[in-house]
Amino acid sequence: MLFFLFGKDDYQSKKKLREIIENYEKIHKSGLNLNYFEGKDLSFQKFKDSFHQSSMFREKKLIVLKNIFSNQEFKEKFIENYSNFSNSKDLILFYEGKDVLKGDVFYKFLKKNAKNQEFKLLSGQKLINWVDKEFQKYGIKITHSAKEEFIKRVGNNLWQTSNEIKKLASYKKNRLVEIGDIKLLINEKIETNIFKTIDCLAIKNRKDAILLLRKHLESGDAPVYLLSMIAFQFRNLLIIKSSQFTGFQDTQTLSRRSGIHPFVIRKSLSQARGFSFEELKKIFKKIFKTDIGIKTGQIKAEIALDSLIIEI
């Protein structure tokens, strides 16, 4: 059986992934038949060997394949050999913590053959309902005006939203949250200033880019979150700059074809002109290495961010 979880809202998709794994572990307690694979460099043969490996226990297998869409060879071989897995009771779960191109052949294959769920970024009433539930979870009461200001400042990044609500719960305990508390404790959402930072980098103004990042760090924004925002925007620039979208300057067309929000498209078009496609690929690799360096403790996060900006 195939499962397919994907979408831009990786907070909700990861939550769903955890739920599936936890339910599996409750039933299959040995844990020996749960396998994870990072899809980028996974060989189809390695996956196939794992799938067909006999088990000491009469348990279903659960194989989680992350980020397989970047592995063209694997996708082609999986489709070619699908008949070997189609009737199995074992579970294969494809997870993409981002949006995927709807024209991808593998996407169409999974939409047809897998139980799939897309996690779109929340907006409007759905976002308000989600925020309400989070406040209720922590037993926090909040005024209507304070809630509006909170959403305006935090936006629809559910990772940040969840962390900010925890912060409010710790600060206010059982007291009513008012608009003054939001203005005091919650920083304005940083996406706009990240665009300013990338603008500086596009014209090779590293000094102002570093100053902008320092302001975020001084105001309490987490370095890893800042890096994720930089990575997100450079990924957008890579998509816009790719040959697949070259020649399209109309915002709505680019948005529809790329899956990127029109606002981000408008901001990104001028930035993209400041980089070649090869430059963007090299920068994205540097961002990836920086992320690994921070998460493995090889370098302090603040120093890593400064070094990245200097190298771009």
C-alpha atoms as a PDB file:
ATOM      1  CA  MET A   1       0.000   0.000   0.000  1.00  0.00           C
ATOM      2  CA  LEU A   2       1.290   3.452  -0.920  1.00  0.00           C
ATOM      3  CA  PHE A   3       0.892   6.695   1.043  1.00  0.00           C
ATOM      4  CA  PHE A   4       1.867  10.146  -0.235  1.00  0.00           C
ATOM      5  CA  LEU A   5       2.150  13.217   2.030  1.00  0.00           C
ATOM      6  CA  PHE A   6       3.249  16.527   0.524  1.00  0.00           C
ATOM      7  CA  GLY A   7       2.712  20.280   0.521  1.00  0.00           C
ATOM      8  CA  LYS A   8       4.148  23.630   1.536  1.00  0.00           C
ATOM      9  CA  ASP A   9       2.893  23.382   5.110  1.00  0.00           C
ATOM     10  CA  ASP A  10       5.530  21.053   6.523  1.00  0.00           C
ATOM     11  CA  TYR A  11       4.307  21.670  10.099  1.00  0.00           C
ATOM     12  CA  GLN A  12       1.065  19.826   9.421  1.00  0.00           C
ATOM     13  CA  SER A  13       2.597  17.252   7.080  1.00  0.00           C
ATOM     14  CA  LYS A  14       5.254  16.304   9.647  1.00  0.00           C
ATOM     15  CA  LYS A  15       2.575  16.037  12.309  1.00  0.00           C
ATOM     16  CA  LYS A  16       0.644  13.641  10.069  1.00  0.00           C
ATOM     17  CA  LEU A  17       3.823  11.676   9.367  1.00  0.00           C
ATOM     18  CA  ARG A  18       4.446  11.307  13.126  1.00  0.00           C
ATOM     19  CA  GLU A  19       0.855  10.139  13.662  1.00  0.00           C
ATOM     20  CA  ILE A  20       1.198   7.415  11.018  1.00  0.00           C
ATOM     21  CA  ILE A  21       4.516   6.216  12.453  1.00  0.00           C
ATOM     22  CA  GLU A  22       3.220   6.268  16.055  1.00  0.00           C
ATOM     23  CA  ASN A  23       0.114   4.280  15.087  1.00  0.00           C
ATOM     24  CA  TYR A  24       2.299   1.777  13.266  1.00  0.00           C
ATOM     25  CA  GLU A  25       4.585   1.398  16.305  1.00  0.00           C
ATOM     26  CA  LYS A  26       1.640   0.778  18.615  1.00  0.00           C
ATOM     27  CA  ILE A  27       0.628  -2.221  16.523  1.00  0.00           C
ATOM     28  CA  HIS A  28       4.077  -3.458  15.458  1.00  0.00           C
ATOM     29  CA  LYS A  29       6.095  -3.208  18.643  1.00  0.00           C
ATOM     30  CA  SER A  30       9.381  -4.792  17.563  1.00  0.00           C
ATOM     31  CA  GLY A  31      10.372  -1.730  15.541  1.00  0.00           C
ATOM     32  CA  LEU A  32      12.500  -3.899  13.277  1.00  0.00           C
ATOM     33  CA  ASN A  33      10.365  -3.388  10.194  1.00  0.00           C
ATOM     34  CA  LEU A  34      10.275   0.406  10.218  1.00  0.00           C
ATOM     35  CA  ASN A  35      12.829   1.880   7.804  1.00  0.00           C
ATOM     36  CA  TYR A  36      13.666   5.443   6.774  1.00  0.00           C
ATOM     37  CA  PHE A  37      15.428   6.438   3.563  1.00  0.00           C
ATOM     38  CA  GLU A  38      16.527   9.851   2.348  1.00  0.00           C
ATOM     39  CA  GLY A  39      15.532   9.819  -1.279  1.00  0.00           C
ATOM     40  CA  LYS A  40      18.059  12.157  -2.885  1.00  0.00           C
ATOM     41  CA  ASP A  41      20.782   9.533  -3.407  1.00  0.00           C
ATOM     42  CA  LEU A  42      18.808   6.351  -2.711  1.00  0.00           C
ATOM     43  CA  SER A  43      19.385   3.549  -5.187  1.00  0.00           C
ATOM     44  CA  PHE A  44      16.328   1.609  -6.249  1.00  0.00           C
ATOM     45  CA  GLN A  45      18.165  -1.661  -5.552  1.00  0.00           C
ATOM     46  CA  LYS A  46      18.782  -0.674  -1.910  1.00  0.00           C
ATOM     47  CA  PHE A  47      15.107   0.129  -1.457  1.00  0.00           C
ATOM     48  CA  LYS A  48      14.074  -3.095  -3.214  1.00  0.00           C
ATOM     49  CA  ASP A  49      16.367  -5.218  -1.005  1.00  0.00           C
ATOM     50  CA  SER A  50      14.903  -3.609   2.104  1.00  0.00           C
ATOM     51  CA  PHE A  51      11.352  -4.139   0.927  1.00  0.00           C
ATOM     52  CA  HIS A  52      11.840  -7.822   0.111  1.00  0.00           C
ATOM     53  CA  GLN A  53      13.966  -8.643   3.137  1.00  0.00           C
ATOM     54  CA  SER A  54      12.255 -11.344   5.171  1.00  0.00           C
ATOM     55  CA  SER A  55      11.250 -10.551   8.729  1.00  0.00           C
ATOM     56  CA  MET A  56      11.684 -12.540  11.925  1.00  0.00           C
ATOM     57  CA  PHE A  57       8.255 -11.307  12.991  1.00  0.00           C
ATOM     58  CA  ARG A  58       4.958 -11.502  11.169  1.00  0.00           C
ATOM     59  CA  GLU A  59       4.650  -7.763  10.932  1.00  0.00           C
ATOM     60  CA  LYS A  60       3.863  -5.339   8.156  1.00  0.00           C
ATOM     61  CA  LYS A  61       6.786  -3.248   7.022  1.00  0.00           C
ATOM     62  CA  LEU A  62       6.639   0.545   6.939  1.00  0.00           C
ATOM     63  CA  ILE A  63       9.200   2.161   4.656  1.00  0.00           C
ATOM     64  CA  VAL A  64       9.367   5.966   4.733  1.00  0.00           C
ATOM     65  CA  LEU A  65      10.941   7.575   1.652  1.00  0.00           C
ATOM     66  CA  LYS A  66      11.715  11.276   2.082  1.00  0.00           C
ATOM     67  CA  ASN A  67      12.409  13.751  -0.727  1.00  0.00           C
ATOM     68  CA  ILE A  68      12.335  11.150  -3.472  1.00  0.00           C
ATOM     69  CA  PHE A  69      11.191  13.649  -6.107  1.00  0.00           C
ATOM     70  CA  SER A  70      14.783  14.845  -6.598  1.00  0.00           C
ATOM     71  CA  ASN A  71      15.829  11.292  -7.582  1.00  0.00           C
ATOM     72  CA  GLN A  72      14.777  10.862 -11.214  1.00  0.00           C
ATOM     73  CA  GLU A  73      16.309   7.414 -11.655  1.00  0.00           C
ATOM     74  CA  PHE A  74      14.521   6.031  -8.604  1.00  0.00           C
ATOM     75  CA  LYS A  75      11.170   7.447  -9.725  1.00  0.00           C
ATOM     76  CA  GLU A  76      11.458   5.865 -13.168  1.00  0.00           C
ATOM     77  CA  LYS A  77      12.453   2.450 -11.792  1.00  0.00           C
ATOM     78  CA  PHE A  78       9.734   2.490  -9.152  1.00  0.00           C
ATOM     79  CA  ILE A  79       7.066   3.081 -11.789  1.00  0.00           C
ATOM     80  CA  GLU A  80       8.568   0.354 -14.022  1.00  0.00           C
ATOM     81  CA  ASN A  81       8.572  -2.152 -11.148  1.00  0.00           C
ATOM     82  CA  TYR A  82       5.335  -1.114  -9.463  1.00  0.00           C
ATOM     83  CA  SER A  83       3.704  -4.498 -10.123  1.00  0.00           C
ATOM     84  CA  ASN A  84       6.178  -6.007  -7.607  1.00  0.00           C
ATOM     85  CA  PHE A  85       4.701  -3.854  -4.815  1.00  0.00           C
ATOM     86  CA  SER A  86       1.114  -3.203  -5.838  1.00  0.00           C
ATOM     87  CA  ASN A  87      -0.407  -6.210  -4.080  1.00  0.00           C
ATOM     88  CA  SER A  88       1.762  -6.115  -0.973  1.00  0.00           C
ATOM     89  CA  LYS A  89       0.268  -5.468   2.469  1.00  0.00           C
ATOM     90  CA  ASP A  90       3.455  -3.655   3.476  1.00  0.00           C
ATOM     91  CA  LEU A  91       3.357   0.143   3.610  1.00  0.00           C
ATOM     92  CA  ILE A  92       5.467   2.523   1.526  1.00  0.00           C
ATOM     93  CA  LEU A  93       5.141   6.178   2.521  1.00  0.00           C
ATOM     94  CA  PHE A  94       6.461   8.958   0.283  1.00  0.00           C
ATOM     95  CA  TYR A  95       7.025  12.219   2.156  1.00  0.00           C
ATOM     96  CA  GLU A  96       7.777  15.600   0.567  1.00  0.00           C
ATOM     97  CA  GLY A  97       7.894  18.474   3.064  1.00  0.00           C
ATOM     98  CA  LYS A  98       7.275  20.956   0.258  1.00  0.00           C
ATOM     99  CA  ASP A  99       5.146  21.476  -2.799  1.00  0.00           C
ATOM    100  CA  VAL A 100       5.835  19.357  -5.884  1.00  0.00           C
ATOM    101  CA  LEU A 101       5.385  20.085  -9.571  1.00  0.00           C
ATOM    102  CA  LYS A 102       1.941  18.879 -10.578  1.00  0.00           C
ATOM    103  CA  GLY A 103       3.228  18.034 -14.053  1.00  0.00           C
ATOM    104  CA  ASP A 104       5.765  15.528 -12.698  1.00  0.00           C
ATOM    105  CA  VAL A 105       5.052  12.011 -13.993  1.00  0.00           C
ATOM    106  CA  PHE A 106       5.745  10.546 -10.542  1.00  0.00           C
ATOM    107  CA  TYR A 107       3.290  12.986  -8.954  1.00  0.00           C
ATOM    108  CA  LYS A 108       0.585  11.812 -11.365  1.00  0.00           C
ATOM    109  CA  PHE A 109       1.515   8.186 -10.631  1.00  0.00           C
ATOM    110  CA  LEU A 110       1.186   8.672  -6.859  1.00  0.00           C
ATOM    111  CA  LYS A 111      -2.041  10.649  -7.171  1.00  0.00           C
ATOM    112  CA  LYS A 112      -3.493   7.666  -9.007  1.00  0.00           C
ATOM    113  CA  ASN A 113      -2.033   4.781  -6.985  1.00  0.00           C
ATOM    114  CA  ALA A 114      -1.460   6.095  -3.450  1.00  0.00           C
ATOM    115  CA  LYS A 115      -3.564   7.379  -0.595  1.00  0.00           C
ATOM    116  CA  ASN A 116      -2.456  10.992  -0.741  1.00  0.00           C
ATOM    117  CA  GLN A 117      -2.872  14.154   1.284  1.00  0.00           C
ATOM    118  CA  GLU A 118      -1.712  17.646   0.357  1.00  0.00           C
ATOM    119  CA  PHE A 119      -0.942  20.188   3.100  1.00  0.00           C
ATOM    120  CA  LYS A 120      -1.461  23.720   1.848  1.00  0.00           C
ATOM    121  CA  LEU A 121      -0.473  26.825   3.788  1.00  0.00           C
ATOM    122  CA  LEU A 122      -3.389  27.951   5.930  1.00  0.00           C
ATOM    123  CA  SER A 123      -5.061  31.295   5.314  1.00  0.00           C
ATOM    124  CA  GLY A 124      -8.244  33.139   6.163  1.00  0.00           C
ATOM    125  CA  GLN A 125     -10.705  31.377   8.455  1.00  0.00           C
ATOM    126  CA  LYS A 126      -8.748  28.094   8.403  1.00  0.00           C
ATOM    127  CA  LEU A 127      -5.711  29.888   9.847  1.00  0.00           C
ATOM    128  CA  ILE A 128      -7.863  31.639  12.460  1.00  0.00           C
ATOM    129  CA  ASN A 129      -9.434  28.308  13.499  1.00  0.00           C
ATOM    130  CA  TRP A 130      -6.001  26.693  13.822  1.00  0.00           C
ATOM    131  CA  VAL A 131      -4.716  29.571  15.968  1.00  0.00           C
ATOM    132  CA  ASP A 132      -7.845  29.375  18.156  1.00  0.00           C
ATOM    133  CA  LYS A 133      -7.251  25.661  18.798  1.00  0.00           C
ATOM    134  CA  GLU A 134      -3.603  26.271  19.708  1.00  0.00           C
ATOM    135  CA  PHE A 135      -4.536  28.954  22.238  1.00  0.00           C
ATOM    136  CA  GLN A 136      -7.217  26.659  23.672  1.00  0.00           C
ATOM    137  CA  LYS A 137      -4.683  23.820  23.958  1.00  0.00           C
ATOM    138  CA  TYR A 138      -2.635  25.938  26.350  1.00  0.00           C
ATOM    139  CA  GLY A 139      -5.692  27.304  28.156  1.00  0.00           C
ATOM    140  CA  ILE A 140      -5.042  30.866  26.991  1.00  0.00           C
ATOM    141  CA  LYS A 141      -7.784  33.435  26.508  1.00  0.00           C
ATOM    142  CA  ILE A 142      -7.052  36.236  24.043  1.00  0.00           C
ATOM    143  CA  THR A 143      -8.980  39.331  22.972  1.00  0.00           C
ATOM    144  CA  HIS A 144     -10.198  39.565  19.382  1.00  0.00           C
ATOM    145  CA  SER A 145      -7.948  42.550  18.606  1.00  0.00           C
ATOM    146  CA  ALA A 146      -4.934  40.780  20.141  1.00  0.00           C
ATOM    147  CA  LYS A 147      -5.586  37.688  18.017  1.00  0.00           C
ATOM    148  CA  GLU A 148      -5.814  39.789  14.858  1.00  0.00           C
ATOM    149  CA  GLU A 149      -2.519  41.511  15.706  1.00  0.00           C
ATOM    150  CA  PHE A 150      -0.912  38.160  16.505  1.00  0.00           C
ATOM    151  CA  ILE A 151      -1.843  36.682  13.101  1.00  0.00           C
ATOM    152  CA  LYS A 152      -0.723  39.866  11.331  1.00  0.00           C
ATOM    153  CA  ARG A 153       2.693  39.660  12.982  1.00  0.00           C
ATOM    154  CA  VAL A 154       3.289  35.913  12.728  1.00  0.00           C
ATOM    155  CA  GLY A 155       1.540  35.003   9.463  1.00  0.00           C
ATOM    156  CA  ASN A 156       0.943  31.380   8.438  1.00  0.00           C
ATOM    157  CA  ASN A 157       4.286  29.867   9.423  1.00  0.00           C
ATOM    158  CA  LEU A 158       2.876  27.303  11.872  1.00  0.00           C
ATOM    159  CA  TRP A 159       6.302  26.471  13.334  1.00  0.00           C
ATOM    160  CA  GLN A 160       6.754  30.072  14.418  1.00  0.00           C
ATOM    161  CA  THR A 161       3.083  30.420  15.380  1.00  0.00           C
ATOM    162  CA  SER A 162       3.268  27.396  17.677  1.00  0.00           C
ATOM    163  CA  ASN A 163       6.466  28.654  19.328  1.00  0.00           C
ATOM    164  CA  GLU A 164       5.043  32.139  19.855  1.00  0.00           C
ATOM    165  CA  ILE A 165       1.877  30.749  21.471  1.00  0.00           C
ATOM    166  CA  LYS A 166       4.024  28.676  23.834  1.00  0.00           C
ATOM    167  CA  LYS A 167       5.934  31.847  24.698  1.00  0.00           C
ATOM    168  CA  LEU A 168       2.689  33.702  25.430  1.00  0.00           C
ATOM    169  CA  ALA A 169       1.433  30.782  27.535  1.00  0.00           C
ATOM    170  CA  SER A 170       4.594  30.884  29.636  1.00  0.00           C
ATOM    171  CA  TYR A 171       4.450  34.670  30.063  1.00  0.00           C
ATOM    172  CA  LYS A 172       0.729  35.173  30.686  1.00  0.00           C
ATOM    173  CA  LYS A 173      -0.061  31.848  32.358  1.00  0.00           C
ATOM    174  CA  ASN A 174      -3.838  32.020  32.980  1.00  0.00           C
ATOM    175  CA  ARG A 175      -4.231  35.758  32.381  1.00  0.00           C
ATOM    176  CA  LEU A 176      -5.991  37.320  29.402  1.00  0.00           C
ATOM    177  CA  VAL A 177      -3.722  38.128  26.451  1.00  0.00           C
ATOM    178  CA  GLU A 178      -4.286  41.680  25.193  1.00  0.00           C
ATOM    179  CA  ILE A 179      -3.000  43.589  22.180  1.00  0.00           C
ATOM    180  CA  GLY A 180      -0.281  45.284  24.253  1.00  0.00           C
ATOM    181  CA  ASP A 181       1.148  41.851  25.122  1.00  0.00           C
ATOM    182  CA  ILE A 182       1.361  40.959  21.435  1.00  0.00           C
ATOM    183  CA  LYS A 183       3.147  44.203  20.551  1.00  0.00           C
ATOM    184  CA  LEU A 184       5.552  43.703  23.440  1.00  0.00           C
ATOM    185  CA  LEU A 185       6.349  40.019  22.957  1.00  0.00           C
ATOM    186  CA  ILE A 186       5.844  39.134  19.281  1.00  0.00           C
ATOM    187  CA  ASN A 187       8.170  40.454  16.592  1.00  0.00           C
ATOM    188  CA  GLU A 188       6.776  41.470  13.221  1.00  0.00           C
ATOM    189  CA  LYS A 189       6.924  38.571  10.770  1.00  0.00           C
ATOM    190  CA  ILE A 190      10.339  38.618   9.123  1.00  0.00           C
ATOM    191  CA  GLU A 191       9.539  37.638   5.540  1.00  0.00           C
ATOM    192  CA  THR A 192       9.512  41.262   4.335  1.00  0.00           C
ATOM    193  CA  ASN A 193      12.956  41.972   5.760  1.00  0.00           C
ATOM    194  CA  ILE A 194      14.297  38.719   4.362  1.00  0.00           C
ATOM    195  CA  PHE A 195      13.360  40.105   0.943  1.00  0.00           C
ATOM    196  CA  LYS A 196      15.375  43.216   1.824  1.00  0.00           C
ATOM    197  CA  THR A 197      18.321  41.020   2.794  1.00  0.00           C
ATOM    198  CA  ILE A 198      18.184  39.153  -0.517  1.00  0.00           C
ATOM    199  CA  ASP A 199      17.857  42.494  -2.335  1.00  0.00           C
ATOM    200  CA  CYS A 200      21.154  43.529  -0.748  1.00  0.00           C
ATOM    201  CA  LEU A 201      22.812  40.270  -1.782  1.00  0.00           C
ATOM    202  CA  ALA A 202      21.526  40.611  -5.350  1.00  0.00           C
ATOM    203  CA  ILE A 203      23.449  43.902  -5.696  1.00  0.00           C
ATOM    204  CA  LYS A 204      26.420  42.469  -3.736  1.00  0.00           C
ATOM    205  CA  ASN A 205      25.782  44.754  -0.729  1.00  0.00           C
ATOM    206  CA  ARG A 206      26.898  42.248   1.898  1.00  0.00           C
ATOM    207  CA  LYS A 207      27.420  44.890   4.593  1.00  0.00           C
ATOM    208  CA  ASP A 208      23.728  45.887   4.745  1.00  0.00           C
ATOM    209  CA  ALA A 209      22.662  42.231   4.414  1.00  0.00           C
ATOM    210  CA  ILE A 210      24.669  41.361   7.524  1.00  0.00           C
ATOM    211  CA  LEU A 211      23.265  44.383   9.393  1.00  0.00           C
ATOM    212  CA  LEU A 212      19.705  43.285   8.598  1.00  0.00           C
ATOM    213  CA  LEU A 213      20.390  39.766   9.863  1.00  0.00           C
ATOM    214  CA  ARG A 214      22.013  41.144  13.026  1.00  0.00           C
ATOM    215  CA  LYS A 215      18.843  43.125  13.765  1.00  0.00           C
ATOM    216  CA  HIS A 216      16.807  39.926  13.597  1.00  0.00           C
ATOM    217  CA  LEU A 217      19.219  38.077  15.864  1.00  0.00           C
ATOM    218  CA  GLU A 218      19.221  40.927  18.388  1.00  0.00           C
ATOM    219  CA  SER A 219      15.417  40.927  18.450  1.00  0.00           C
ATOM    220  CA  GLY A 220      15.398  37.216  19.320  1.00  0.00           C
ATOM    221  CA  ASP A 221      14.760  35.536  15.966  1.00  0.00           C
ATOM    222  CA  ALA A 222      16.287  32.048  15.897  1.00  0.00           C
ATOM    223  CA  PRO A 223      19.283  31.680  13.522  1.00  0.00           C
ATOM    224  CA  VAL A 224      17.974  28.380  12.156  1.00  0.00           C
ATOM    225  CA  TYR A 225      14.648  30.026  11.319  1.00  0.00           C
ATOM    226  CA  LEU A 226      16.433  32.924   9.584  1.00  0.00           C
ATOM    227  CA  LEU A 227      18.455  30.407   7.583  1.00  0.00           C
ATOM    228  CA  SER A 228      15.280  28.544   6.617  1.00  0.00           C
ATOM    229  CA  MET A 229      13.778  31.786   5.297  1.00  0.00           C
ATOM    230  CA  ILE A 230      16.914  32.525   3.265  1.00  0.00           C
ATOM    231  CA  ALA A 231      16.860  28.964   1.896  1.00  0.00           C
ATOM    232  CA  PHE A 232      13.169  29.293   1.043  1.00  0.00           C
ATOM    233  CA  GLN A 233      13.725  32.477  -0.958  1.00  0.00           C
ATOM    234  CA  PHE A 234      16.799  31.210  -2.815  1.00  0.00           C
ATOM    235  CA  ARG A 235      14.848  28.076  -3.706  1.00  0.00           C
ATOM    236  CA  ASN A 236      12.177  30.364  -5.206  1.00  0.00           C
ATOM    237  CA  LEU A 237      14.860  32.207  -7.184  1.00  0.00           C
ATOM    238  CA  LEU A 238      16.213  28.902  -8.490  1.00  0.00           C
ATOM    239  CA  ILE A 239      12.762  27.877  -9.677  1.00  0.00           C
ATOM    240  CA  ILE A 240      12.095  31.215 -11.362  1.00  0.00           C
ATOM    241  CA  LYS A 241      15.550  31.239 -12.965  1.00  0.00           C
ATOM    242  CA  SER A 242      15.325  27.662 -14.255  1.00  0.00           C
ATOM    243  CA  SER A 243      14.904  27.039 -17.976  1.00  0.00           C
ATOM    244  CA  GLN A 244      11.437  25.672 -17.306  1.00  0.00           C
ATOM    245  CA  PHE A 245      10.193  29.170 -16.428  1.00  0.00           C
ATOM    246  CA  THR A 246      12.561  31.375 -18.429  1.00  0.00           C
ATOM    247  CA  GLY A 247      10.630  33.703 -20.693  1.00  0.00           C
ATOM    248  CA  PHE A 248       7.577  33.997 -18.446  1.00  0.00           C
ATOM    249  CA  GLN A 249       7.448  37.460 -16.885  1.00  0.00           C
ATOM    250  CA  ASP A 250       3.712  37.530 -16.194  1.00  0.00           C
ATOM    251  CA  THR A 251       3.213  37.163 -12.428  1.00  0.00           C
ATOM    252  CA  GLN A 252       0.037  35.099 -12.577  1.00  0.00           C
ATOM    253  CA  THR A 253       1.429  32.687 -15.184  1.00  0.00           C
ATOM    254  CA  LEU A 254       4.626  32.184 -13.203  1.00  0.00           C
ATOM    255  CA  SER A 255       2.647  31.695 -10.006  1.00  0.00           C
ATOM    256  CA  ARG A 256       0.347  29.120 -11.593  1.00  0.00           C
ATOM    257  CA  ARG A 257       3.190  27.171 -13.200  1.00  0.00           C
ATOM    258  CA  SER A 258       5.597  27.275 -10.253  1.00  0.00           C
ATOM    259  CA  GLY A 259       3.180  27.086  -7.324  1.00  0.00           C
ATOM    260  CA  ILE A 260       4.803  30.185  -5.773  1.00  0.00           C
ATOM    261  CA  HIS A 261       2.557  32.913  -4.335  1.00  0.00           C
ATOM    262  CA  PRO A 262       2.117  35.942  -6.680  1.00  0.00           C
ATOM    263  CA  PHE A 263       3.447  38.320  -3.990  1.00  0.00           C
ATOM    264  CA  VAL A 264       6.652  36.281  -3.748  1.00  0.00           C
ATOM    265  CA  ILE A 265       6.903  36.153  -7.558  1.00  0.00           C
ATOM    266  CA  ARG A 266       6.731  39.953  -7.777  1.00  0.00           C
ATOM    267  CA  LYS A 267       9.450  40.347  -5.157  1.00  0.00           C
ATOM    268  CA  SER A 268      11.608  37.632  -6.680  1.00  0.00           C
ATOM    269  CA  LEU A 269      11.662  38.643 -10.343  1.00  0.00           C
ATOM    270  CA  SER A 270      13.983  41.611  -9.828  1.00  0.00           C
ATOM    271  CA  GLN A 271      16.150  39.638  -7.383  1.00  0.00           C
ATOM    272  CA  ALA A 272      16.573  36.795  -9.865  1.00  0.00           C
ATOM    273  CA  ARG A 273      18.144  39.189 -12.366  1.00  0.00           C
ATOM    274  CA  GLY A 274      21.033  39.724  -9.953  1.00  0.00           C
ATOM    275  CA  PHE A 275      22.131  36.074 -10.125  1.00  0.00           C
ATOM    276  CA  SER A 276      22.926  33.561 -12.825  1.00  0.00           C
ATOM    277  CA  PHE A 277      21.391  30.095 -12.583  1.00  0.00           C
ATOM    278  CA  GLU A 278      24.839  28.621 -11.803  1.00  0.00           C
ATOM    279  CA  GLU A 279      25.376  31.181  -9.037  1.00  0.00           C
ATOM    280  CA  LEU A 280      22.044  30.268  -7.475  1.00  0.00           C
ATOM    281  CA  LYS A 281      22.889  26.551  -7.516  1.00  0.00           C
ATOM    282  CA  LYS A 282      26.209  27.230  -5.771  1.00  0.00           C
ATOM    283  CA  ILE A 283      24.513  29.464  -3.196  1.00  0.00           C
ATOM    284  CA  PHE A 284      21.881  26.825  -2.460  1.00  0.00           C
ATOM    285  CA  LYS A 285      24.642  24.262  -1.870  1.00  0.00           C
ATOM    286  CA  LYS A 286      26.336  26.705   0.540  1.00  0.00           C
ATOM    287  CA  ILE A 287      23.056  27.154   2.403  1.00  0.00           C
ATOM    288  CA  PHE A 288      22.699  23.376   2.680  1.00  0.00           C
ATOM    289  CA  LYS A 289      26.258  23.038   4.057  1.00  0.00           C
ATOM    290  CA  THR A 290      25.617  25.876   6.506  1.00  0.00           C
ATOM    291  CA  ASP A 291      22.472  24.151   7.750  1.00  0.00           C
ATOM    292  CA  ILE A 292      24.367  20.890   8.284  1.00  0.00           C
ATOM    293  CA  GLY A 293      27.198  22.734  10.048  1.00  0.00           C
ATOM    294  CA  ILE A 294      24.792  24.392  12.484  1.00  0.00           C
ATOM    295  CA  LYS A 295      22.730  21.275  13.209  1.00  0.00           C
ATOM    296  CA  THR A 296      25.808  19.098  13.803  1.00  0.00           C
ATOM    297  CA  GLY A 297      27.418  21.686  16.062  1.00  0.00           C
ATOM    298  CA  GLN A 298      30.422  22.223  13.804  1.00  0.00           C
ATOM    299  CA  ILE A 299      29.943  25.995  13.877  1.00  0.00           C
ATOM    300  CA  LYS A 300      27.963  28.495  15.935  1.00  0.00           C
ATOM    301  CA  ALA A 301      24.772  29.568  14.202  1.00  0.00           C
ATOM    302  CA  GLU A 302      25.447  33.330  14.272  1.00  0.00           C
ATOM    303  CA  ILE A 303      28.973  32.873  12.874  1.00  0.00           C
ATOM    304  CA  ALA A 304      27.661  30.470  10.219  1.00  0.00           C
ATOM    305  CA  LEU A 305      25.086  33.029   9.036  1.00  0.00           C
ATOM    306  CA  ASP A 306      27.718  35.786   8.790  1.00  0.00           C
ATOM    307  CA  SER A 307      30.055  33.480   6.870  1.00  0.00           C
ATOM    308  CA  LEU A 308      27.274  32.491   4.473  1.00  0.00           C
ATOM    309  CA  ILE A 309      26.422  36.117   3.673  1.00  0.00           C
ATOM    310  CA  ILE A 310      30.094  36.958   3.074  1.00  0.00           C
ATOM    311  CA  GLU A 311      30.463  33.996   0.692  1.00  0.00           C
ATOM    312  CA  ILE A 312      27.344  34.774  -1.368  1.00  0.00           C
END
